[in-house]
Amino acid sequence: MGEGFALPHGTDASHVWIRRSALAYLRFPHGVDWGGEKVFVCLALAVHGEEHLGVLSRLAQILMDPEKAARLRAATSAEEVLSLLCVKEE
């Protein structure tokens, strides 16, 4: 994805196995090789329905803001990750 992030995904056929949406955040403090790119964070989404569109849109917004991208790369708690990725409805 860029900015040190990877976003693995399944195939359309794999959607039948997803019973509820979930997000996994994997942080590699020293980075790992990911297909020739250095990755510091892997965000794995298992999404039921179209919920992934909101998360991907928010992630794109974060990656366009170097300060927010750095905060997401450095996050060490679920609360930090969710506070960046989730937009609170008012």
PDB file of N, CA and C in Angstrom:
ATOM      1  N   MET A   1       0.813  -1.199   0.000  1.00  0.00           N
ATOM      2  CA  MET A   1       0.000   0.000   0.000  1.00  0.00           C
ATOM      3  C   MET A   1       0.848   1.251   0.000  1.00  0.00           C
ATOM      4  N   GLY A   2       2.024   1.185   0.533  1.00  0.00           N
ATOM      5  CA  GLY A   2       2.869   2.364   0.662  1.00  0.00           C
ATOM      6  C   GLY A   2       2.933   2.838   2.103  1.00  0.00           C
ATOM      7  N   GLU A   3       3.828   3.770   2.359  1.00  0.00           N
ATOM      8  CA  GLU A   3       4.017   4.327   3.699  1.00  0.00           C
ATOM      9  C   GLU A   3       4.330   3.260   4.740  1.00  0.00           C
ATOM     10  N   GLY A   4       4.852   2.107   4.306  1.00  0.00           N
ATOM     11  CA  GLY A   4       5.209   1.044   5.238  1.00  0.00           C
ATOM     12  C   GLY A   4       4.050   0.162   5.667  1.00  0.00           C
ATOM     13  N   PHE A   5       2.942   0.199   4.906  1.00  0.00           N
ATOM     14  CA  PHE A   5       1.759  -0.585   5.242  1.00  0.00           C
ATOM     15  C   PHE A   5       1.506  -1.663   4.194  1.00  0.00           C
ATOM     16  N   ALA A   6       1.011  -2.810   4.653  1.00  0.00           N
ATOM     17  CA  ALA A   6       0.555  -3.882   3.761  1.00  0.00           C
ATOM     18  C   ALA A   6      -0.889  -4.185   4.118  1.00  0.00           C
ATOM     19  N   LEU A   7      -1.668  -4.521   3.108  1.00  0.00           N
ATOM     20  CA  LEU A   7      -3.067  -4.839   3.307  1.00  0.00           C
ATOM     21  C   LEU A   7      -3.406  -6.094   2.517  1.00  0.00           C
ATOM     22  N   PRO A   8      -3.119  -7.268   3.109  1.00  0.00           N
ATOM     23  CA  PRO A   8      -3.433  -8.515   2.390  1.00  0.00           C
ATOM     24  C   PRO A   8      -4.937  -8.679   2.269  1.00  0.00           C
ATOM     25  N   HIS A   9      -5.347  -9.413   1.258  1.00  0.00           N
ATOM     26  CA  HIS A   9      -6.773  -9.595   1.036  1.00  0.00           C
ATOM     27  C   HIS A   9      -7.055 -10.979   0.466  1.00  0.00           C
ATOM     28  N   GLY A  10      -8.267 -11.412   0.671  1.00  0.00           N
ATOM     29  CA  GLY A  10      -8.699 -12.699   0.144  1.00  0.00           C
ATOM     30  C   GLY A  10      -9.338 -12.531  -1.221  1.00  0.00           C
ATOM     31  N   THR A  11      -9.871 -13.603  -1.705  1.00  0.00           N
ATOM     32  CA  THR A  11     -10.556 -13.586  -2.995  1.00  0.00           C
ATOM     33  C   THR A  11     -12.045 -13.364  -2.773  1.00  0.00           C
ATOM     34  N   ASP A  12     -12.758 -13.086  -3.835  1.00  0.00           N
ATOM     35  CA  ASP A  12     -14.212 -12.940  -3.732  1.00  0.00           C
ATOM     36  C   ASP A  12     -14.840 -14.226  -3.190  1.00  0.00           C
ATOM     37  N   ALA A  13     -14.285 -15.360  -3.567  1.00  0.00           N
ATOM     38  CA  ALA A  13     -14.828 -16.649  -3.112  1.00  0.00           C
ATOM     39  C   ALA A  13     -14.666 -16.841  -1.602  1.00  0.00           C
ATOM     40  N   SER A  14     -13.695 -16.183  -0.987  1.00  0.00           N
ATOM     41  CA  SER A  14     -13.456 -16.366   0.448  1.00  0.00           C
ATOM     42  C   SER A  14     -14.480 -15.645   1.313  1.00  0.00           C
ATOM     43  N   HIS A  15     -15.251 -14.737   0.747  1.00  0.00           N
ATOM     44  CA  HIS A  15     -16.221 -13.962   1.532  1.00  0.00           C
ATOM     45  C   HIS A  15     -17.278 -14.836   2.188  1.00  0.00           C
ATOM     46  N   VAL A  16     -17.566 -15.982   1.617  1.00  0.00           N
ATOM     47  CA  VAL A  16     -18.602 -16.858   2.204  1.00  0.00           C
ATOM     48  C   VAL A  16     -18.178 -17.391   3.578  1.00  0.00           C
ATOM     49  N   TRP A  17     -16.897 -17.351   3.886  1.00  0.00           N
ATOM     50  CA  TRP A  17     -16.393 -17.886   5.150  1.00  0.00           C
ATOM     51  C   TRP A  17     -16.373 -16.841   6.270  1.00  0.00           C
ATOM     52  N   ILE A  18     -16.643 -15.612   5.943  1.00  0.00           N
ATOM     53  CA  ILE A  18     -16.596 -14.543   6.942  1.00  0.00           C
ATOM     54  C   ILE A  18     -17.963 -14.415   7.597  1.00  0.00           C
ATOM     55  N   ARG A  19     -17.997 -14.625   8.897  1.00  0.00           N
ATOM     56  CA  ARG A  19     -19.265 -14.558   9.635  1.00  0.00           C
ATOM     57  C   ARG A  19     -19.468 -13.197  10.286  1.00  0.00           C
ATOM     58  N   ARG A  20     -18.377 -12.525  10.608  1.00  0.00           N
ATOM     59  CA  ARG A  20     -18.457 -11.179  11.169  1.00  0.00           C
ATOM     60  C   ARG A  20     -17.181 -10.440  10.802  1.00  0.00           C
ATOM     61  N   SER A  21     -17.270  -9.152  10.768  1.00  0.00           N
ATOM     62  CA  SER A  21     -16.121  -8.336  10.386  1.00  0.00           C
ATOM     63  C   SER A  21     -15.093  -8.292  11.516  1.00  0.00           C
ATOM     64  N   ALA A  22     -13.826  -8.250  11.126  1.00  0.00           N
ATOM     65  CA  ALA A  22     -12.741  -8.172  12.099  1.00  0.00           C
ATOM     66  C   ALA A  22     -11.547  -7.475  11.458  1.00  0.00           C
ATOM     67  N   LEU A  23     -10.706  -6.910  12.301  1.00  0.00           N
ATOM     68  CA  LEU A  23      -9.497  -6.227  11.871  1.00  0.00           C
ATOM     69  C   LEU A  23      -8.331  -6.750  12.698  1.00  0.00           C
ATOM     70  N   ALA A  24      -7.237  -7.078  12.036  1.00  0.00           N
ATOM     71  CA  ALA A  24      -6.013  -7.472  12.742  1.00  0.00           C
ATOM     72  C   ALA A  24      -4.934  -6.452  12.395  1.00  0.00           C
ATOM     73  N   TYR A  25      -4.238  -5.987  13.390  1.00  0.00           N
ATOM     74  CA  TYR A  25      -3.158  -5.010  13.243  1.00  0.00           C
ATOM     75  C   TYR A  25      -1.868  -5.699  13.679  1.00  0.00           C
ATOM     76  N   LEU A  26      -0.953  -5.868  12.758  1.00  0.00           N
ATOM     77  CA  LEU A  26       0.332  -6.500  13.065  1.00  0.00           C
ATOM     78  C   LEU A  26       1.425  -5.459  12.866  1.00  0.00           C
ATOM     79  N   ARG A  27       2.188  -5.213  13.897  1.00  0.00           N
ATOM     80  CA  ARG A  27       3.238  -4.190  13.846  1.00  0.00           C
ATOM     81  C   ARG A  27       4.595  -4.866  13.874  1.00  0.00           C
ATOM     82  N   PHE A  28       5.446  -4.479  12.926  1.00  0.00           N
ATOM     83  CA  PHE A  28       6.811  -4.988  12.837  1.00  0.00           C
ATOM     84  C   PHE A  28       7.749  -3.805  13.085  1.00  0.00           C
ATOM     85  N   PRO A  29       8.181  -3.585  14.338  1.00  0.00           N
ATOM     86  CA  PRO A  29       8.955  -2.388  14.688  1.00  0.00           C
ATOM     87  C   PRO A  29      10.199  -2.157  13.818  1.00  0.00           C
ATOM     88  N   HIS A  30      10.834  -3.232  13.376  1.00  0.00           N
ATOM     89  CA  HIS A  30      12.048  -3.084  12.568  1.00  0.00           C
ATOM     90  C   HIS A  30      11.776  -3.276  11.082  1.00  0.00           C
ATOM     91  N   GLY A  31      10.537  -3.522  10.743  1.00  0.00           N
ATOM     92  CA  GLY A  31      10.157  -3.726   9.351  1.00  0.00           C
ATOM     93  C   GLY A  31      10.464  -5.137   8.881  1.00  0.00           C
ATOM     94  N   VAL A  32       9.691  -5.582   7.886  1.00  0.00           N
ATOM     95  CA  VAL A  32       9.906  -6.884   7.256  1.00  0.00           C
ATOM     96  C   VAL A  32       9.814  -6.700   5.746  1.00  0.00           C
ATOM     97  N   ASP A  33      10.460  -7.594   5.019  1.00  0.00           N
ATOM     98  CA  ASP A  33      10.357  -7.567   3.565  1.00  0.00           C
ATOM     99  C   ASP A  33       8.994  -8.120   3.166  1.00  0.00           C
ATOM    100  N   TRP A  34       8.279  -7.369   2.361  1.00  0.00           N
ATOM    101  CA  TRP A  34       6.948  -7.776   1.907  1.00  0.00           C
ATOM    102  C   TRP A  34       6.925  -7.589   0.394  1.00  0.00           C
ATOM    103  N   GLY A  35       7.342  -8.617  -0.310  1.00  0.00           N
ATOM    104  CA  GLY A  35       7.369  -8.533  -1.771  1.00  0.00           C
ATOM    105  C   GLY A  35       8.306  -7.464  -2.289  1.00  0.00           C
ATOM    106  N   GLY A  36       9.429  -7.296  -1.627  1.00  0.00           N
ATOM    107  CA  GLY A  36      10.409  -6.312  -2.056  1.00  0.00           C
ATOM    108  C   GLY A  36      10.239  -4.931  -1.435  1.00  0.00           C
ATOM    109  N   GLU A  37       9.211  -4.751  -0.656  1.00  0.00           N
ATOM    110  CA  GLU A  37       8.975  -3.478   0.036  1.00  0.00           C
ATOM    111  C   GLU A  37       9.162  -3.694   1.533  1.00  0.00           C
ATOM    112  N   LYS A  38       9.616  -2.658   2.238  1.00  0.00           N
ATOM    113  CA  LYS A  38       9.745  -2.750   3.684  1.00  0.00           C
ATOM    114  C   LYS A  38       8.426  -2.328   4.319  1.00  0.00           C
ATOM    115  N   VAL A  39       7.852  -3.247   5.112  1.00  0.00           N
ATOM    116  CA  VAL A  39       6.556  -3.026   5.736  1.00  0.00           C
ATOM    117  C   VAL A  39       6.725  -3.007   7.249  1.00  0.00           C
ATOM    118  N   PHE A  40       6.056  -2.036   7.878  1.00  0.00           N
ATOM    119  CA  PHE A  40       6.087  -1.913   9.332  1.00  0.00           C
ATOM    120  C   PHE A  40       4.749  -2.297   9.965  1.00  0.00           C
ATOM    121  N   VAL A  41       3.685  -2.242   9.165  1.00  0.00           N
ATOM    122  CA  VAL A  41       2.352  -2.574   9.666  1.00  0.00           C
ATOM    123  C   VAL A  41       1.593  -3.364   8.613  1.00  0.00           C
ATOM    124  N   CYS A  42       0.965  -4.441   9.055  1.00  0.00           N
ATOM    125  CA  CYS A  42       0.070  -5.217   8.210  1.00  0.00           C
ATOM    126  C   CYS A  42      -1.321  -5.080   8.809  1.00  0.00           C
ATOM    127  N   LEU A  43      -2.261  -4.599   8.004  1.00  0.00           N
ATOM    128  CA  LEU A  43      -3.653  -4.522   8.425  1.00  0.00           C
ATOM    129  C   LEU A  43      -4.418  -5.591   7.668  1.00  0.00           C
ATOM    130  N   ALA A  44      -4.950  -6.543   8.392  1.00  0.00           N
ATOM    131  CA  ALA A  44      -5.708  -7.624   7.769  1.00  0.00           C
ATOM    132  C   ALA A  44      -7.181  -7.406   8.087  1.00  0.00           C
ATOM    133  N   LEU A  45      -7.994  -7.345   7.050  1.00  0.00           N
ATOM    134  CA  LEU A  45      -9.425  -7.134   7.202  1.00  0.00           C
ATOM    135  C   LEU A  45     -10.181  -8.387   6.783  1.00  0.00           C
ATOM    136  N   ALA A  46     -11.118  -8.782   7.612  1.00  0.00           N
ATOM    137  CA  ALA A  46     -12.087  -9.804   7.234  1.00  0.00           C
ATOM    138  C   ALA A  46     -13.422  -9.095   7.372  1.00  0.00           C
ATOM    139  N   VAL A  47     -14.048  -8.830   6.252  1.00  0.00           N
ATOM    140  CA  VAL A  47     -15.214  -7.957   6.280  1.00  0.00           C
ATOM    141  C   VAL A  47     -16.431  -8.638   5.683  1.00  0.00           C
ATOM    142  N   HIS A  48     -17.518  -8.512   6.410  1.00  0.00           N
ATOM    143  CA  HIS A  48     -18.803  -9.043   5.953  1.00  0.00           C
ATOM    144  C   HIS A  48     -19.530  -7.904   5.236  1.00  0.00           C
ATOM    145  N   GLY A  49     -19.940  -8.135   4.019  1.00  0.00           N
ATOM    146  CA  GLY A  49     -20.655  -7.107   3.268  1.00  0.00           C
ATOM    147  C   GLY A  49     -19.726  -6.040   2.728  1.00  0.00           C
ATOM    148  N   GLU A  50     -20.185  -4.804   2.755  1.00  0.00           N
ATOM    149  CA  GLU A  50     -19.431  -3.696   2.175  1.00  0.00           C
ATOM    150  C   GLU A  50     -18.744  -2.835   3.221  1.00  0.00           C
ATOM    151  N   GLU A  51     -18.636  -3.307   4.449  1.00  0.00           N
ATOM    152  CA  GLU A  51     -18.045  -2.524   5.528  1.00  0.00           C
ATOM    153  C   GLU A  51     -16.607  -2.125   5.253  1.00  0.00           C
ATOM    154  N   HIS A  52     -15.907  -2.889   4.431  1.00  0.00           N
ATOM    155  CA  HIS A  52     -14.504  -2.606   4.163  1.00  0.00           C
ATOM    156  C   HIS A  52     -14.303  -1.267   3.465  1.00  0.00           C
ATOM    157  N   LEU A  53     -15.302  -0.779   2.761  1.00  0.00           N
ATOM    158  CA  LEU A  53     -15.151   0.473   2.028  1.00  0.00           C
ATOM    159  C   LEU A  53     -14.877   1.636   2.964  1.00  0.00           C
ATOM    160  N   GLY A  54     -15.543   1.685   4.094  1.00  0.00           N
ATOM    161  CA  GLY A  54     -15.306   2.744   5.069  1.00  0.00           C
ATOM    162  C   GLY A  54     -13.916   2.670   5.665  1.00  0.00           C
ATOM    163  N   VAL A  55     -13.486   1.466   6.003  1.00  0.00           N
ATOM    164  CA  VAL A  55     -12.153   1.288   6.587  1.00  0.00           C
ATOM    165  C   VAL A  55     -11.075   1.644   5.560  1.00  0.00           C
ATOM    166  N   LEU A  56     -11.233   1.196   4.330  1.00  0.00           N
ATOM    167  CA  LEU A  56     -10.242   1.507   3.296  1.00  0.00           C
ATOM    168  C   LEU A  56     -10.197   2.998   2.996  1.00  0.00           C
ATOM    169  N   SER A  57     -11.345   3.639   2.999  1.00  0.00           N
ATOM    170  CA  SER A  57     -11.396   5.084   2.776  1.00  0.00           C
ATOM    171  C   SER A  57     -10.669   5.817   3.892  1.00  0.00           C
ATOM    172  N   ARG A  58     -10.921   5.419   5.123  1.00  0.00           N
ATOM    173  CA  ARG A  58     -10.259   6.050   6.276  1.00  0.00           C
ATOM    174  C   ARG A  58      -8.759   5.789   6.228  1.00  0.00           C
ATOM    175  N   LEU A  59      -8.352   4.586   5.864  1.00  0.00           N
ATOM    176  CA  LEU A  59      -6.933   4.268   5.768  1.00  0.00           C
ATOM    177  C   LEU A  59      -6.259   5.134   4.707  1.00  0.00           C
ATOM    178  N   ALA A  60      -6.918   5.330   3.584  1.00  0.00           N
ATOM    179  CA  ALA A  60      -6.363   6.188   2.526  1.00  0.00           C
ATOM    180  C   ALA A  60      -6.182   7.607   3.043  1.00  0.00           C
ATOM    181  N   GLN A  61      -7.135   8.121   3.810  1.00  0.00           N
ATOM    182  CA  GLN A  61      -7.018   9.457   4.385  1.00  0.00           C
ATOM    183  C   GLN A  61      -5.824   9.537   5.330  1.00  0.00           C
ATOM    184  N   ILE A  62      -5.651   8.508   6.134  1.00  0.00           N
ATOM    185  CA  ILE A  62      -4.528   8.480   7.079  1.00  0.00           C
ATOM    186  C   ILE A  62      -3.203   8.465   6.344  1.00  0.00           C
ATOM    187  N   LEU A  63      -3.087   7.642   5.306  1.00  0.00           N
ATOM    188  CA  LEU A  63      -1.819   7.516   4.589  1.00  0.00           C
ATOM    189  C   LEU A  63      -1.463   8.781   3.818  1.00  0.00           C
ATOM    190  N   MET A  64      -2.427   9.632   3.545  1.00  0.00           N
ATOM    191  CA  MET A  64      -2.143  10.896   2.873  1.00  0.00           C
ATOM    192  C   MET A  64      -1.674  11.969   3.852  1.00  0.00           C
ATOM    193  N   ASP A  65      -1.778  11.694   5.133  1.00  0.00           N
ATOM    194  CA  ASP A  65      -1.347  12.620   6.180  1.00  0.00           C
ATOM    195  C   ASP A  65      -0.141  11.998   6.879  1.00  0.00           C
ATOM    196  N   PRO A  66       1.084  12.488   6.579  1.00  0.00           N
ATOM    197  CA  PRO A  66       2.288  11.861   7.148  1.00  0.00           C
ATOM    198  C   PRO A  66       2.272  11.733   8.667  1.00  0.00           C
ATOM    199  N   GLU A  67       1.696  12.708   9.368  1.00  0.00           N
ATOM    200  CA  GLU A  67       1.657  12.644  10.832  1.00  0.00           C
ATOM    201  C   GLU A  67       0.753  11.511  11.310  1.00  0.00           C
ATOM    202  N   LYS A  68      -0.422  11.381  10.689  1.00  0.00           N
ATOM    203  CA  LYS A  68      -1.338  10.310  11.076  1.00  0.00           C
ATOM    204  C   LYS A  68      -0.791   8.945  10.669  1.00  0.00           C
ATOM    205  N   ALA A  69      -0.146   8.866   9.506  1.00  0.00           N
ATOM    206  CA  ALA A  69       0.460   7.606   9.078  1.00  0.00           C
ATOM    207  C   ALA A  69       1.532   7.176  10.078  1.00  0.00           C
ATOM    208  N   ALA A  70       2.338   8.136  10.536  1.00  0.00           N
ATOM    209  CA  ALA A  70       3.379   7.827  11.522  1.00  0.00           C
ATOM    210  C   ALA A  70       2.753   7.360  12.832  1.00  0.00           C
ATOM    211  N   ARG A  71       1.641   7.991  13.233  1.00  0.00           N
ATOM    212  CA  ARG A  71       0.958   7.569  14.467  1.00  0.00           C
ATOM    213  C   ARG A  71       0.415   6.155  14.347  1.00  0.00           C
ATOM    214  N   LEU A  72      -0.144   5.817  13.186  1.00  0.00           N
ATOM    215  CA  LEU A  72      -0.671   4.464  12.996  1.00  0.00           C
ATOM    216  C   LEU A  72       0.465   3.440  12.949  1.00  0.00           C
ATOM    217  N   ARG A  73       1.585   3.800  12.320  1.00  0.00           N
ATOM    218  CA  ARG A  73       2.747   2.889  12.284  1.00  0.00           C
ATOM    219  C   ARG A  73       3.294   2.627  13.680  1.00  0.00           C
ATOM    220  N   ALA A  74       3.210   3.624  14.556  1.00  0.00           N
ATOM    221  CA  ALA A  74       3.800   3.520  15.896  1.00  0.00           C
ATOM    222  C   ALA A  74       2.815   3.056  16.964  1.00  0.00           C
ATOM    223  N   ALA A  75       1.553   2.872  16.604  1.00  0.00           N
ATOM    224  CA  ALA A  75       0.533   2.505  17.593  1.00  0.00           C
ATOM    225  C   ALA A  75       0.907   1.212  18.316  1.00  0.00           C
ATOM    226  N   THR A  76       0.672   1.205  19.615  1.00  0.00           N
ATOM    227  CA  THR A  76       1.010   0.028  20.418  1.00  0.00           C
ATOM    228  C   THR A  76      -0.187  -0.529  21.181  1.00  0.00           C
ATOM    229  N   SER A  77      -1.363   0.053  20.961  1.00  0.00           N
ATOM    230  CA  SER A  77      -2.554  -0.465  21.644  1.00  0.00           C
ATOM    231  C   SER A  77      -3.729  -0.483  20.673  1.00  0.00           C
ATOM    232  N   ALA A  78      -4.686  -1.325  20.979  1.00  0.00           N
ATOM    233  CA  ALA A  78      -5.901  -1.406  20.162  1.00  0.00           C
ATOM    234  C   ALA A  78      -6.627  -0.062  20.169  1.00  0.00           C
ATOM    235  N   GLU A  79      -6.615   0.614  21.292  1.00  0.00           N
ATOM    236  CA  GLU A  79      -7.293   1.900  21.397  1.00  0.00           C
ATOM    237  C   GLU A  79      -6.699   2.923  20.432  1.00  0.00           C
ATOM    238  N   GLU A  80      -5.360   2.958  20.334  1.00  0.00           N
ATOM    239  CA  GLU A  80      -4.708   3.883  19.405  1.00  0.00           C
ATOM    240  C   GLU A  80      -5.086   3.582  17.957  1.00  0.00           C
ATOM    241  N   VAL A  81      -5.048   2.312  17.583  1.00  0.00           N
ATOM    242  CA  VAL A  81      -5.378   1.904  16.216  1.00  0.00           C
ATOM    243  C   VAL A  81      -6.822   2.276  15.905  1.00  0.00           C
ATOM    244  N   LEU A  82      -7.730   1.912  16.787  1.00  0.00           N
ATOM    245  CA  LEU A  82      -9.145   2.180  16.545  1.00  0.00           C
ATOM    246  C   LEU A  82      -9.464   3.668  16.542  1.00  0.00           C
ATOM    247  N   SER A  83      -8.774   4.436  17.371  1.00  0.00           N
ATOM    248  CA  SER A  83      -9.036   5.879  17.389  1.00  0.00           C
ATOM    249  C   SER A  83      -8.647   6.523  16.062  1.00  0.00           C
ATOM    250  N   LEU A  84      -7.667   5.969  15.383  1.00  0.00           N
ATOM    251  CA  LEU A  84      -7.268   6.491  14.078  1.00  0.00           C
ATOM    252  C   LEU A  84      -8.143   5.959  12.949  1.00  0.00           C
ATOM    253  N   LEU A  85      -8.475   4.687  12.996  1.00  0.00           N
ATOM    254  CA  LEU A  85      -9.209   4.066  11.891  1.00  0.00           C
ATOM    255  C   LEU A  85     -10.722   4.250  11.931  1.00  0.00           C
ATOM    256  N   CYS A  86     -11.259   4.478  13.105  1.00  0.00           N
ATOM    257  CA  CYS A  86     -12.720   4.582  13.230  1.00  0.00           C
ATOM    258  C   CYS A  86     -13.136   6.033  13.336  1.00  0.00           C
ATOM    259  N   VAL A  87     -14.081   6.390  12.508  1.00  0.00           N
ATOM    260  CA  VAL A  87     -14.650   7.719  12.572  1.00  0.00           C
ATOM    261  C   VAL A  87     -15.880   7.635  13.447  1.00  0.00           C
ATOM    262  N   LYS A  88     -15.883   8.423  14.499  1.00  0.00           N
ATOM    263  CA  LYS A  88     -17.021   8.389  15.418  1.00  0.00           C
ATOM    264  C   LYS A  88     -18.183   9.155  14.828  1.00  0.00           C
ATOM    265  N   GLU A  89     -19.356   8.521  14.889  1.00  0.00           N
ATOM    266  CA  GLU A  89     -20.564   9.180  14.417  1.00  0.00           C
ATOM    267  C   GLU A  89     -21.051  10.150  15.486  1.00  0.00           C
ATOM    268  N   GLU A  90     -21.456  11.325  15.037  1.00  0.00           N
ATOM    269  CA  GLU A  90     -21.937  12.330  16.001  1.00  0.00           C
ATOM    270  C   GLU A  90     -23.411  12.533  15.852  1.00  0.00           C
TER     271      GLU A  90
END
